[in-house]
Amino acid sequence: QPVDIELPDGNVLTLEPLERSSNGRRLGLKNF
């Protein structure tokens, strides 16, 4: 599931799990 990582400068990166589309031909994230 999405993981937040804090950076030293105060920014936050969100890592998300990859998902293949239902037809298996595309790659994305949930709702992306």
All heavy atoms as atom14 arrays in JSON, in Angstrom:
{
  "sequence": "QPVDIELPDGNVLTLEPLERSSNGRRLGLKNF",
  "atom14_mask": [
    [1, 1, 1, 1, 1, 1, 1, 1, 1, 0, 0, 0, 0, 0],
    [1, 1, 1, 1, 1, 1, 1, 0, 0, 0, 0, 0, 0, 0],
    [1, 1, 1, 1, 1, 1, 1, 0, 0, 0, 0, 0, 0, 0],
    [1, 1, 1, 1, 1, 1, 1, 1, 0, 0, 0, 0, 0, 0],
    [1, 1, 1, 1, 1, 1, 1, 1, 0, 0, 0, 0, 0, 0],
    [1, 1, 1, 1, 1, 1, 1, 1, 1, 0, 0, 0, 0, 0],
    [1, 1, 1, 1, 1, 1, 1, 1, 0, 0, 0, 0, 0, 0],
    [1, 1, 1, 1, 1, 1, 1, 0, 0, 0, 0, 0, 0, 0],
    [1, 1, 1, 1, 1, 1, 1, 1, 0, 0, 0, 0, 0, 0],
    [1, 1, 1, 1, 0, 0, 0, 0, 0, 0, 0, 0, 0, 0],
    [1, 1, 1, 1, 1, 1, 1, 1, 0, 0, 0, 0, 0, 0],
    [1, 1, 1, 1, 1, 1, 1, 0, 0, 0, 0, 0, 0, 0],
    [1, 1, 1, 1, 1, 1, 1, 1, 0, 0, 0, 0, 0, 0],
    [1, 1, 1, 1, 1, 1, 1, 0, 0, 0, 0, 0, 0, 0],
    [1, 1, 1, 1, 1, 1, 1, 1, 0, 0, 0, 0, 0, 0],
    [1, 1, 1, 1, 1, 1, 1, 1, 1, 0, 0, 0, 0, 0],
    [1, 1, 1, 1, 1, 1, 1, 0, 0, 0, 0, 0, 0, 0],
    [1, 1, 1, 1, 1, 1, 1, 1, 0, 0, 0, 0, 0, 0],
    [1, 1, 1, 1, 1, 1, 1, 1, 1, 0, 0, 0, 0, 0],
    [1, 1, 1, 1, 1, 1, 1, 1, 1, 1, 1, 0, 0, 0],
    [1, 1, 1, 1, 1, 1, 0, 0, 0, 0, 0, 0, 0, 0],
    [1, 1, 1, 1, 1, 1, 0, 0, 0, 0, 0, 0, 0, 0],
    [1, 1, 1, 1, 1, 1, 1, 1, 0, 0, 0, 0, 0, 0],
    [1, 1, 1, 1, 0, 0, 0, 0, 0, 0, 0, 0, 0, 0],
    [1, 1, 1, 1, 1, 1, 1, 1, 1, 1, 1, 0, 0, 0],
    [1, 1, 1, 1, 1, 1, 1, 1, 1, 1, 1, 0, 0, 0],
    [1, 1, 1, 1, 1, 1, 1, 1, 0, 0, 0, 0, 0, 0],
    [1, 1, 1, 1, 0, 0, 0, 0, 0, 0, 0, 0, 0, 0],
    [1, 1, 1, 1, 1, 1, 1, 1, 0, 0, 0, 0, 0, 0],
    [1, 1, 1, 1, 1, 1, 1, 1, 1, 0, 0, 0, 0, 0],
    [1, 1, 1, 1, 1, 1, 1, 1, 0, 0, 0, 0, 0, 0],
    [1, 1, 1, 1, 1, 1, 1, 1, 1, 1, 1, 0, 0, 0]
  ],
  "atom14_positions": [
    [[0.87, -1.2, 0.0], [0.0, 0.0, 0.0], [0.9, 1.24, 0.0], [2.11, 1.11, 0.23], [-0.94, 0.0, 1.21], [-0.17, 0.03, 2.52], [-0.87, -0.85, 3.52], [-1.54, -1.79, 3.12], [-0.76, -0.57, 4.78], [0.0, 0.0, 0.0], [0.0, 0.0, 0.0], [0.0, 0.0, 0.0], [0.0, 0.0, 0.0], [0.0, 0.0, 0.0]],
    [[0.32, 2.44, -0.25], [1.19, 3.63, -0.33], [2.04, 3.82, 0.92], [1.56, 3.69, 2.04], [0.19, 4.77, -0.51], [-0.99, 4.12, -1.18], [-1.08, 2.74, -0.59], [0.0, 0.0, 0.0], [0.0, 0.0, 0.0], [0.0, 0.0, 0.0], [0.0, 0.0, 0.0], [0.0, 0.0, 0.0], [0.0, 0.0, 0.0], [0.0, 0.0, 0.0]],
    [[3.33, 4.12, 0.71], [4.26, 4.35, 1.83], [4.82, 5.76, 1.69], [5.31, 6.14, 0.62], [5.44, 3.34, 1.77], [6.46, 3.62, 2.86], [4.96, 1.91, 1.75], [0.0, 0.0, 0.0], [0.0, 0.0, 0.0], [0.0, 0.0, 0.0], [0.0, 0.0, 0.0], [0.0, 0.0, 0.0], [0.0, 0.0, 0.0], [0.0, 0.0, 0.0]],
    [[4.76, 6.55, 2.76], [5.34, 7.91, 2.74], [6.77, 7.86, 3.26], [7.04, 7.26, 4.31], [4.51, 8.86, 3.61], [3.19, 9.21, 2.91], [3.08, 8.97, 1.69], [2.27, 9.72, 3.59], [0.0, 0.0, 0.0], [0.0, 0.0, 0.0], [0.0, 0.0, 0.0], [0.0, 0.0, 0.0], [0.0, 0.0, 0.0], [0.0, 0.0, 0.0]],
    [[7.67, 8.54, 2.56], [9.05, 8.64, 3.06], [9.4, 10.12, 3.18], [9.29, 10.88, 2.23], [10.05, 7.96, 2.08], [9.68, 6.49, 1.89], [11.47, 8.09, 2.56], [10.49, 5.79, 0.82], [0.0, 0.0, 0.0], [0.0, 0.0, 0.0], [0.0, 0.0, 0.0], [0.0, 0.0, 0.0], [0.0, 0.0, 0.0], [0.0, 0.0, 0.0]],
    [[9.83, 10.49, 4.38], [10.21, 11.9, 4.59], [11.65, 12.13, 4.15], [12.54, 11.34, 4.45], [10.06, 12.24, 6.08], [8.62, 12.62, 6.4], [8.46, 13.28, 7.75], [9.28, 14.13, 8.09], [7.5, 12.91, 8.45], [0.0, 0.0, 0.0], [0.0, 0.0, 0.0], [0.0, 0.0, 0.0], [0.0, 0.0, 0.0], [0.0, 0.0, 0.0]],
    [[11.88, 13.25, 3.49], [13.24, 13.61, 3.07], [13.81, 14.67, 4.01], [13.05, 15.39, 4.66], [13.22, 14.16, 1.64], [12.75, 13.15, 0.57], [12.85, 13.78, -0.82], [13.6, 11.89, 0.6], [0.0, 0.0, 0.0], [0.0, 0.0, 0.0], [0.0, 0.0, 0.0], [0.0, 0.0, 0.0], [0.0, 0.0, 0.0], [0.0, 0.0, 0.0]],
    [[15.14, 14.8, 4.07], [15.75, 15.76, 4.99], [15.25, 17.2, 4.78], [15.22, 17.99, 5.71], [17.25, 15.67, 4.68], [17.44, 14.32, 4.02], [16.17, 13.98, 3.37], [0.0, 0.0, 0.0], [0.0, 0.0, 0.0], [0.0, 0.0, 0.0], [0.0, 0.0, 0.0], [0.0, 0.0, 0.0], [0.0, 0.0, 0.0], [0.0, 0.0, 0.0]],
    [[14.87, 17.55, 3.54], [14.44, 18.94, 3.29], [12.96, 19.15, 3.58], [12.39, 20.21, 3.26], [14.75, 19.34, 1.84], [14.0, 18.44, 0.82], [13.22, 17.55, 1.23], [14.22, 18.64, -0.4], [0.0, 0.0, 0.0], [0.0, 0.0, 0.0], [0.0, 0.0, 0.0], [0.0, 0.0, 0.0], [0.0, 0.0, 0.0], [0.0, 0.0, 0.0]],
    [[12.32, 18.16, 4.19], [10.91, 18.32, 4.57], [9.93, 17.79, 3.52], [8.73, 17.66, 3.78], [0.0, 0.0, 0.0], [0.0, 0.0, 0.0], [0.0, 0.0, 0.0], [0.0, 0.0, 0.0], [0.0, 0.0, 0.0], [0.0, 0.0, 0.0], [0.0, 0.0, 0.0], [0.0, 0.0, 0.0], [0.0, 0.0, 0.0], [0.0, 0.0, 0.0]],
    [[10.41, 17.52, 2.28], [9.52, 16.94, 1.27], [9.13, 15.51, 1.64], [9.86, 14.82, 2.37], [10.25, 16.87, -0.09], [10.12, 18.17, -0.84], [9.13, 18.85, -0.69], [11.08, 18.53, -1.7], [0.0, 0.0, 0.0], [0.0, 0.0, 0.0], [0.0, 0.0, 0.0], [0.0, 0.0, 0.0], [0.0, 0.0, 0.0], [0.0, 0.0, 0.0]],
    [[7.99, 15.07, 1.12], [7.56, 13.68, 1.37], [7.36, 12.98, 0.01], [6.71, 13.51, -0.88], [6.23, 13.65, 2.18], [5.72, 12.22, 2.32], [6.44, 14.28, 3.55], [0.0, 0.0, 0.0], [0.0, 0.0, 0.0], [0.0, 0.0, 0.0], [0.0, 0.0, 0.0], [0.0, 0.0, 0.0], [0.0, 0.0, 0.0], [0.0, 0.0, 0.0]],
    [[7.95, 11.79, -0.13], [7.71, 10.99, -1.33], [6.74, 9.87, -0.99], [6.86, 9.24, 0.07], [9.02, 10.36, -1.83], [10.1, 11.3, -2.4], [11.29, 10.47, -2.89], [9.55, 12.15, -3.54], [0.0, 0.0, 0.0], [0.0, 0.0, 0.0], [0.0, 0.0, 0.0], [0.0, 0.0, 0.0], [0.0, 0.0, 0.0], [0.0, 0.0, 0.0]],
    [[5.79, 9.62, -1.89], [4.85, 8.51, -1.65], [5.13, 7.4, -2.67], [5.01, 7.61, -3.88], [3.39, 9.0, -1.78], [3.22, 10.11, -0.88], [2.41, 7.91, -1.46], [0.0, 0.0, 0.0], [0.0, 0.0, 0.0], [0.0, 0.0, 0.0], [0.0, 0.0, 0.0], [0.0, 0.0, 0.0], [0.0, 0.0, 0.0], [0.0, 0.0, 0.0]],
    [[5.5, 6.24, -2.14], [5.71, 5.08, -3.02], [4.44, 4.24, -3.05], [3.85, 3.95, -2.01], [6.83, 4.19, -2.44], [8.27, 4.59, -2.74], [9.18, 3.67, -1.95], [8.6, 4.46, -4.21], [0.0, 0.0, 0.0], [0.0, 0.0, 0.0], [0.0, 0.0, 0.0], [0.0, 0.0, 0.0], [0.0, 0.0, 0.0], [0.0, 0.0, 0.0]],
    [[4.05, 3.83, -4.27], [2.8, 3.06, -4.37], [3.04, 1.72, -5.07], [3.98, 1.59, -5.88], [1.76, 3.88, -5.15], [1.45, 5.23, -4.51], [0.43, 6.04, -5.28], [-0.73, 5.59, -5.36], [0.78, 7.12, -5.79], [0.0, 0.0, 0.0], [0.0, 0.0, 0.0], [0.0, 0.0, 0.0], [0.0, 0.0, 0.0], [0.0, 0.0, 0.0]],
    [[2.19, 0.72, -4.77], [2.38, -0.57, -5.45], [1.95, -0.5, -6.92], [0.96, 0.16, -7.25], [1.48, -1.54, -4.66], [0.49, -0.65, -3.95], [1.12, 0.67, -3.74], [0.0, 0.0, 0.0], [0.0, 0.0, 0.0], [0.0, 0.0, 0.0], [0.0, 0.0, 0.0], [0.0, 0.0, 0.0], [0.0, 0.0, 0.0], [0.0, 0.0, 0.0]],
    [[2.69, -1.14, -7.78], [2.37, -1.17, -9.21], [1.17, -2.09, -9.45], [1.0, -3.1, -8.77], [3.57, -1.69, -10.02], [4.81, -0.77, -10.04], [5.99, -1.49, -10.64], [4.52, 0.51, -10.84], [0.0, 0.0, 0.0], [0.0, 0.0, 0.0], [0.0, 0.0, 0.0], [0.0, 0.0, 0.0], [0.0, 0.0, 0.0], [0.0, 0.0, 0.0]],
    [[0.37, -1.75, -10.47], [-0.78, -2.62, -10.84], [-0.84, -2.79, -12.35], [-0.7, -1.81, -13.09], [-2.1, -1.97, -10.38], [-2.33, -1.99, -8.9], [-3.69, -1.37, -8.5], [-4.51, -1.04, -9.42], [-3.93, -1.23, -7.28], [0.0, 0.0, 0.0], [0.0, 0.0, 0.0], [0.0, 0.0, 0.0], [0.0, 0.0, 0.0], [0.0, 0.0, 0.0]],
    [[-1.08, -4.01, -12.83], [-1.36, -4.21, -14.24], [-2.84, -4.01, -14.5], [-3.68, -4.34, -13.66], [-0.94, -5.65, -14.67], [0.5, -5.88, -14.9], [1.19, -5.09, -15.98], [1.12, -5.58, -17.31], [2.14, -6.17, -17.96], [3.29, -6.34, -17.39], [2.01, -6.56, -19.19], [0.0, 0.0, 0.0], [0.0, 0.0, 0.0], [0.0, 0.0, 0.0]],
    [[-3.19, -3.45, -15.66], [-4.61, -3.21, -15.98], [-5.34, -4.54, -16.14], [-4.71, -5.61, -16.3], [-4.72, -2.41, -17.28], [-4.14, -3.2, -18.35], [0.0, 0.0, 0.0], [0.0, 0.0, 0.0], [0.0, 0.0, 0.0], [0.0, 0.0, 0.0], [0.0, 0.0, 0.0], [0.0, 0.0, 0.0], [0.0, 0.0, 0.0], [0.0, 0.0, 0.0]],
    [[-6.66, -4.46, -16.17], [-7.45, -5.71, -16.22], [-7.16, -6.5, -17.49], [-7.19, -7.73, -17.5], [-8.94, -5.4, -16.1], [-9.26, -4.37, -17.04], [0.0, 0.0, 0.0], [0.0, 0.0, 0.0], [0.0, 0.0, 0.0], [0.0, 0.0, 0.0], [0.0, 0.0, 0.0], [0.0, 0.0, 0.0], [0.0, 0.0, 0.0], [0.0, 0.0, 0.0]],
    [[-6.84, -5.78, -18.63], [-6.52, -6.53, -19.86], [-5.05, -6.99, -19.9], [-4.6, -7.64, -20.86], [-6.85, -5.72, -21.13], [-5.95, -4.48, -21.28], [-5.03, -4.26, -20.49], [-6.18, -3.67, -22.31], [0.0, 0.0, 0.0], [0.0, 0.0, 0.0], [0.0, 0.0, 0.0], [0.0, 0.0, 0.0], [0.0, 0.0, 0.0], [0.0, 0.0, 0.0]],
    [[-4.29, -6.58, -18.84], [-2.89, -7.03, -18.72], [-1.92, -6.31, -19.64], [-0.73, -6.61, -19.65], [0.0, 0.0, 0.0], [0.0, 0.0, 0.0], [0.0, 0.0, 0.0], [0.0, 0.0, 0.0], [0.0, 0.0, 0.0], [0.0, 0.0, 0.0], [0.0, 0.0, 0.0], [0.0, 0.0, 0.0], [0.0, 0.0, 0.0], [0.0, 0.0, 0.0]],
    [[-2.41, -5.31, -20.4], [-1.53, -4.68, -21.4], [-0.93, -3.36, -20.93], [-0.07, -2.79, -21.59], [-2.32, -4.45, -22.71], [-2.73, -5.76, -23.38], [-3.63, -5.5, -24.58], [-2.92, -4.83, -25.68], [-2.23, -5.47, -26.6], [-2.11, -6.76, -26.56], [-1.62, -4.78, -27.58], [0.0, 0.0, 0.0], [0.0, 0.0, 0.0], [0.0, 0.0, 0.0]],
    [[-1.42, -2.86, -19.77], [-0.91, -1.57, -19.3], [-0.44, -1.69, -17.86], [-0.86, -2.58, -17.12], [-2.02, -0.5, -19.39], [-2.46, -0.2, -20.8], [-3.57, 0.84, -20.85], [-3.07, 2.22, -20.58], [-2.56, 3.01, -21.49], [-2.46, 2.6, -22.73], [-2.15, 4.23, -21.16], [0.0, 0.0, 0.0], [0.0, 0.0, 0.0], [0.0, 0.0, 0.0]],
    [[0.38, -0.74, -17.45], [0.9, -0.72, -16.09], [0.61, 0.64, -15.49], [0.76, 1.67, -16.14], [2.43, -0.97, -16.11], [3.16, -0.99, -14.75], [2.69, -2.16, -13.91], [4.68, -1.09, -14.96], [0.0, 0.0, 0.0], [0.0, 0.0, 0.0], [0.0, 0.0, 0.0], [0.0, 0.0, 0.0], [0.0, 0.0, 0.0], [0.0, 0.0, 0.0]],
    [[0.17, 0.63, -14.22], [-0.09, 1.92, -13.59], [-0.17, 1.74, -12.08], [0.39, 0.81, -11.5], [0.0, 0.0, 0.0], [0.0, 0.0, 0.0], [0.0, 0.0, 0.0], [0.0, 0.0, 0.0], [0.0, 0.0, 0.0], [0.0, 0.0, 0.0], [0.0, 0.0, 0.0], [0.0, 0.0, 0.0], [0.0, 0.0, 0.0], [0.0, 0.0, 0.0]],
    [[-0.89, 2.66, -11.45], [-1.15, 2.59, -10.01], [-2.66, 2.62, -9.84], [-3.4, 2.82, -10.8], [-0.53, 3.79, -9.29], [0.95, 4.1, -9.58], [1.33, 5.46, -8.99], [1.85, 3.0, -9.02], [0.0, 0.0, 0.0], [0.0, 0.0, 0.0], [0.0, 0.0, 0.0], [0.0, 0.0, 0.0], [0.0, 0.0, 0.0], [0.0, 0.0, 0.0]],
    [[-3.09, 2.48, -8.63], [-4.53, 2.56, -8.37], [-5.05, 3.95, -8.82], [-4.48, 4.98, -8.41], [-4.78, 2.35, -6.87], [-6.24, 2.08, -6.55], [-6.4, 1.7, -5.09], [-7.91, 1.44, -4.87], [-8.12, 1.1, -3.51], [0.0, 0.0, 0.0], [0.0, 0.0, 0.0], [0.0, 0.0, 0.0], [0.0, 0.0, 0.0], [0.0, 0.0, 0.0]],
    [[-6.04, 3.98, -9.68], [-6.64, 5.22, -10.21], [-5.63, 6.12, -10.91], [-5.71, 7.35, -10.87], [-7.33, 6.03, -9.08], [-8.37, 5.21, -8.37], [-9.05, 4.4, -9.01], [-8.52, 5.35, -7.06], [0.0, 0.0, 0.0], [0.0, 0.0, 0.0], [0.0, 0.0, 0.0], [0.0, 0.0, 0.0], [0.0, 0.0, 0.0], [0.0, 0.0, 0.0]],
    [[-4.6, 5.52, -11.53], [-3.59, 6.32, -12.21], [-3.1, 5.54, -13.43], [-2.45, 4.5, -13.31], [-2.41, 6.61, -11.26], [-1.39, 7.58, -11.8], [-1.64, 8.94, -11.86], [-0.14, 7.13, -12.24], [-0.68, 9.84, -12.34], [0.83, 8.02, -12.72], [0.55, 9.39, -12.76], [0.0, 0.0, 0.0], [0.0, 0.0, 0.0], [0.0, 0.0, 0.0]]
  ]
}
